[in-house]
C-alpha atoms as a PDB file:
ATOM      1  CA  UNK A   1     -30.379  12.810 -11.305  1.00  0.00           C
ATOM      2  CA  UNK A   2     -30.541  13.664 -15.001  1.00  0.00           C
ATOM      3  CA  UNK A   3     -28.367  16.742 -14.454  1.00  0.00           C
ATOM      4  CA  UNK A   4     -25.809  14.702 -12.491  1.00  0.00           C
ATOM      5  CA  UNK A   5     -25.800  12.025 -15.224  1.00  0.00           C
ATOM      6  CA  UNK A   6     -25.130  14.710 -17.822  1.00  0.00           C
ATOM      7  CA  UNK A   7     -22.214  16.099 -15.798  1.00  0.00           C
ATOM      8  CA  UNK A   8     -20.658  12.656 -15.295  1.00  0.00           C
ATOM      9  CA  UNK A   9     -21.264  11.500 -18.876  1.00  0.00           C
ATOM     10  CA  UNK A  10     -23.539   8.620 -17.850  1.00  0.00           C
ATOM     11  CA  UNK A  11     -25.397   7.084 -20.790  1.00  0.00           C
ATOM     12  CA  UNK A  12     -28.281   4.634 -20.594  1.00  0.00           C
ATOM     13  CA  UNK A  13     -29.293   2.126 -23.291  1.00  0.00           C
ATOM     14  CA  UNK A  14     -32.690   2.028 -24.875  1.00  0.00           C
ATOM     15  CA  UNK A  15     -35.143   0.226 -22.548  1.00  0.00           C
ATOM     16  CA  UNK A  16     -35.698  -2.455 -25.229  1.00  0.00           C
ATOM     17  CA  UNK A  17     -32.033  -3.519 -25.138  1.00  0.00           C
ATOM     18  CA  UNK A  18     -31.327  -6.561 -22.973  1.00  0.00           C
ATOM     19  CA  UNK A  19     -28.276  -6.222 -20.703  1.00  0.00           C
ATOM     20  CA  UNK A  20     -25.286  -8.434 -21.533  1.00  0.00           C
ATOM     21  CA  UNK A  21     -23.133 -10.338 -19.091  1.00  0.00           C
ATOM     22  CA  UNK A  22     -19.681  -9.026 -18.192  1.00  0.00           C
ATOM     23  CA  UNK A  23     -18.132 -11.974 -20.058  1.00  0.00           C
ATOM     24  CA  UNK A  24     -20.038 -11.096 -23.254  1.00  0.00           C
ATOM     25  CA  UNK A  25     -19.009  -7.446 -22.998  1.00  0.00           C
ATOM     26  CA  UNK A  26     -15.356  -8.426 -22.389  1.00  0.00           C
ATOM     27  CA  UNK A  27     -15.405 -10.785 -25.394  1.00  0.00           C
ATOM     28  CA  UNK A  28     -17.007  -8.140 -27.634  1.00  0.00           C
ATOM     29  CA  UNK A  29     -14.429  -5.502 -26.658  1.00  0.00           C
ATOM     30  CA  UNK A  30     -11.494  -7.880 -27.145  1.00  0.00           C
ATOM     31  CA  UNK A  31     -12.935  -8.881 -30.544  1.00  0.00           C
ATOM     32  CA  UNK A  32     -12.459  -5.287 -31.738  1.00  0.00           C
ATOM     33  CA  UNK A  33      -8.720  -5.960 -32.126  1.00  0.00           C
ATOM     34  CA  UNK A  34      -7.431  -6.424 -35.636  1.00  0.00           C
ATOM     35  CA  UNK A  35      -4.596  -5.640 -37.993  1.00  0.00           C
ATOM     36  CA  UNK A  36      -6.514  -2.836 -39.712  1.00  0.00           C
ATOM     37  CA  UNK A  37      -7.381  -0.791 -36.589  1.00  0.00           C
ATOM     38  CA  UNK A  38      -5.134   1.846 -34.957  1.00  0.00           C
ATOM     39  CA  UNK A  39      -5.847   0.703 -31.399  1.00  0.00           C
ATOM     40  CA  UNK A  40      -5.466  -2.327 -29.162  1.00  0.00           C
ATOM     41  CA  UNK A  41      -7.816  -3.676 -26.486  1.00  0.00           C
ATOM     42  CA  UNK A  42      -6.176  -5.918 -23.901  1.00  0.00           C
ATOM     43  CA  UNK A  43      -6.583  -7.325 -20.406  1.00  0.00           C
ATOM     44  CA  UNK A  44      -5.352  -4.828 -17.823  1.00  0.00           C
ATOM     45  CA  UNK A  45      -2.246  -5.301 -15.751  1.00  0.00           C
ATOM     46  CA  UNK A  46      -2.755  -5.494 -11.944  1.00  0.00           C
ATOM     47  CA  UNK A  47      -1.146  -2.056 -11.481  1.00  0.00           C
ATOM     48  CA  UNK A  48      -3.702  -0.479 -13.855  1.00  0.00           C
ATOM     49  CA  UNK A  49      -6.598  -1.295 -11.477  1.00  0.00           C
ATOM     50  CA  UNK A  50      -8.960  -2.152 -14.331  1.00  0.00           C
ATOM     51  CA  UNK A  51     -10.333  -5.146 -16.203  1.00  0.00           C
ATOM     52  CA  UNK A  52      -9.583  -4.010 -19.758  1.00  0.00           C
ATOM     53  CA  UNK A  53      -7.431  -1.312 -21.356  1.00  0.00           C
ATOM     54  CA  UNK A  54      -7.791   0.254 -24.814  1.00  0.00           C
ATOM     55  CA  UNK A  55      -4.670   2.008 -26.157  1.00  0.00           C
ATOM     56  CA  UNK A  56      -4.126   4.119 -29.245  1.00  0.00           C
ATOM     57  CA  UNK A  57      -0.982   5.957 -30.293  1.00  0.00           C
ATOM     58  CA  UNK A  58      -1.098   8.651 -32.983  1.00  0.00           C
ATOM     59  CA  UNK A  59       2.551   9.334 -33.749  1.00  0.00           C
ATOM     60  CA  UNK A  60       1.950  12.005 -36.384  1.00  0.00           C
ATOM     61  CA  UNK A  61       0.450  14.352 -33.792  1.00  0.00           C
ATOM     62  CA  UNK A  62       2.387  13.034 -30.777  1.00  0.00           C
ATOM     63  CA  UNK A  63      -0.621  11.744 -28.830  1.00  0.00           C
ATOM     64  CA  UNK A  64      -1.152   8.533 -26.874  1.00  0.00           C
ATOM     65  CA  UNK A  65      -4.670   7.714 -25.640  1.00  0.00           C
ATOM     66  CA  UNK A  66      -5.494   5.085 -23.036  1.00  0.00           C
ATOM     67  CA  UNK A  67      -8.891   4.074 -21.635  1.00  0.00           C
ATOM     68  CA  UNK A  68      -9.039   1.895 -18.517  1.00  0.00           C
ATOM     69  CA  UNK A  69     -12.330   0.007 -18.146  1.00  0.00           C
ATOM     70  CA  UNK A  70     -13.795  -1.693 -15.095  1.00  0.00           C
ATOM     71  CA  UNK A  71     -16.722  -4.057 -15.654  1.00  0.00           C
ATOM     72  CA  UNK A  72     -19.380  -3.981 -12.895  1.00  0.00           C
ATOM     73  CA  UNK A  73     -21.417  -7.200 -13.481  1.00  0.00           C
ATOM     74  CA  UNK A  74     -24.033  -6.671 -10.771  1.00  0.00           C
ATOM     75  CA  UNK A  75     -25.051  -3.278 -12.215  1.00  0.00           C
ATOM     76  CA  UNK A  76     -24.393  -4.146 -15.890  1.00  0.00           C
ATOM     77  CA  UNK A  77     -22.037  -1.164 -16.115  1.00  0.00           C
ATOM     78  CA  UNK A  78     -18.689  -0.323 -17.627  1.00  0.00           C
ATOM     79  CA  UNK A  79     -16.845   2.440 -15.802  1.00  0.00           C
ATOM     80  CA  UNK A  80     -13.892   4.006 -17.523  1.00  0.00           C
ATOM     81  CA  UNK A  81     -11.105   6.517 -17.166  1.00  0.00           C
ATOM     82  CA  UNK A  82      -9.593   8.242 -20.197  1.00  0.00           C
ATOM     83  CA  UNK A  83      -5.936   9.271 -20.095  1.00  0.00           C
ATOM     84  CA  UNK A  84      -3.885  11.073 -22.726  1.00  0.00           C
ATOM     85  CA  UNK A  85      -0.259  12.015 -23.185  1.00  0.00           C
ATOM     86  CA  UNK A  86       0.621  14.745 -25.669  1.00  0.00           C
ATOM     87  CA  UNK A  87       4.052  15.744 -26.864  1.00  0.00           C
ATOM     88  CA  UNK A  88       3.815  17.932 -29.940  1.00  0.00           C
ATOM     89  CA  UNK A  89       7.435  19.100 -29.874  1.00  0.00           C
ATOM     90  CA  UNK A  90      10.731  17.267 -30.182  1.00  0.00           C
ATOM     91  CA  UNK A  91      11.676  17.616 -26.502  1.00  0.00           C
ATOM     92  CA  UNK A  92      10.035  16.483 -23.254  1.00  0.00           C
ATOM     93  CA  UNK A  93       9.573  20.070 -22.004  1.00  0.00           C
ATOM     94  CA  UNK A  94       6.145  20.482 -23.615  1.00  0.00           C
ATOM     95  CA  UNK A  95       4.772  17.028 -22.759  1.00  0.00           C
ATOM     96  CA  UNK A  96       1.279  17.115 -21.244  1.00  0.00           C
ATOM     97  CA  UNK A  97      -0.776  14.546 -19.350  1.00  0.00           C
ATOM     98  CA  UNK A  98      -4.533  14.665 -18.930  1.00  0.00           C
ATOM     99  CA  UNK A  99      -7.284  12.528 -17.391  1.00  0.00           C
ATOM    100  CA  UNK A 100     -11.010  12.454 -17.900  1.00  0.00           C
ATOM    101  CA  UNK A 101     -13.082  13.812 -20.741  1.00  0.00           C
ATOM    102  CA  UNK A 102     -10.947  14.666 -23.776  1.00  0.00           C
ATOM    103  CA  UNK A 103     -12.865  17.064 -26.021  1.00  0.00           C
ATOM    104  CA  UNK A 104      -9.876  17.618 -28.327  1.00  0.00           C
ATOM    105  CA  UNK A 105     -10.277  16.890 -32.030  1.00  0.00           C
ATOM    106  CA  UNK A 106      -7.147  15.865 -33.914  1.00  0.00           C
ATOM    107  CA  UNK A 107      -7.310  16.511 -37.645  1.00  0.00           C
ATOM    108  CA  UNK A 108      -4.782  15.557 -40.246  1.00  0.00           C
ATOM    109  CA  UNK A 109      -4.370  18.072 -43.066  1.00  0.00           C
ATOM    110  CA  UNK A 110      -2.864  17.530 -46.462  1.00  0.00           C
ATOM    111  CA  UNK A 111      -2.163  20.150 -49.132  1.00  0.00           C
ATOM    112  CA  UNK A 112      -3.083  19.225 -52.709  1.00  0.00           C
ATOM    113  CA  UNK A 113      -2.962  21.082 -55.949  1.00  0.00           C
ATOM    114  CA  UNK A 114      -6.390  21.465 -57.531  1.00  0.00           C
ATOM    115  CA  UNK A 115      -6.984  21.543 -61.320  1.00  0.00           C
ATOM    116  CA  UNK A 116      -6.952  25.355 -61.491  1.00  0.00           C
ATOM    117  CA  UNK A 117      -3.345  25.374 -60.165  1.00  0.00           C
ATOM    118  CA  UNK A 118      -4.045  26.605 -56.629  1.00  0.00           C
ATOM    119  CA  UNK A 119      -3.165  24.646 -53.513  1.00  0.00           C
ATOM    120  CA  UNK A 120      -5.849  23.712 -50.969  1.00  0.00           C
ATOM    121  CA  UNK A 121      -5.928  22.024 -47.601  1.00  0.00           C
ATOM    122  CA  UNK A 122      -7.996  18.851 -47.412  1.00  0.00           C
ATOM    123  CA  UNK A 123      -8.777  16.613 -44.460  1.00  0.00           C
END
């Protein structure tokens, strides 16, 4: 089963960690919201077929990320589905939708002039 767990992305906690109730997990995830974070965690709508939804929009790169989470109290599990919408051009022709694992890394570059007069890219 270890190979199957690796393929599905299943992670297990350390055996010394006590499982939390679904209500505690829900409260902890909703507590992540704040004015200084670029995402929002909310209760899911009935059409989303989930318990909680985390959303993040990165306008500079034209990406919207959404994670739907279903809490499974009897197994002490959180199952999730990642979705992403990308539109890196000005028109809808190049818009892309994806589900599942998103291995993409989005970096923001800035060009600065260094003391010797040359320009360099920095993250």
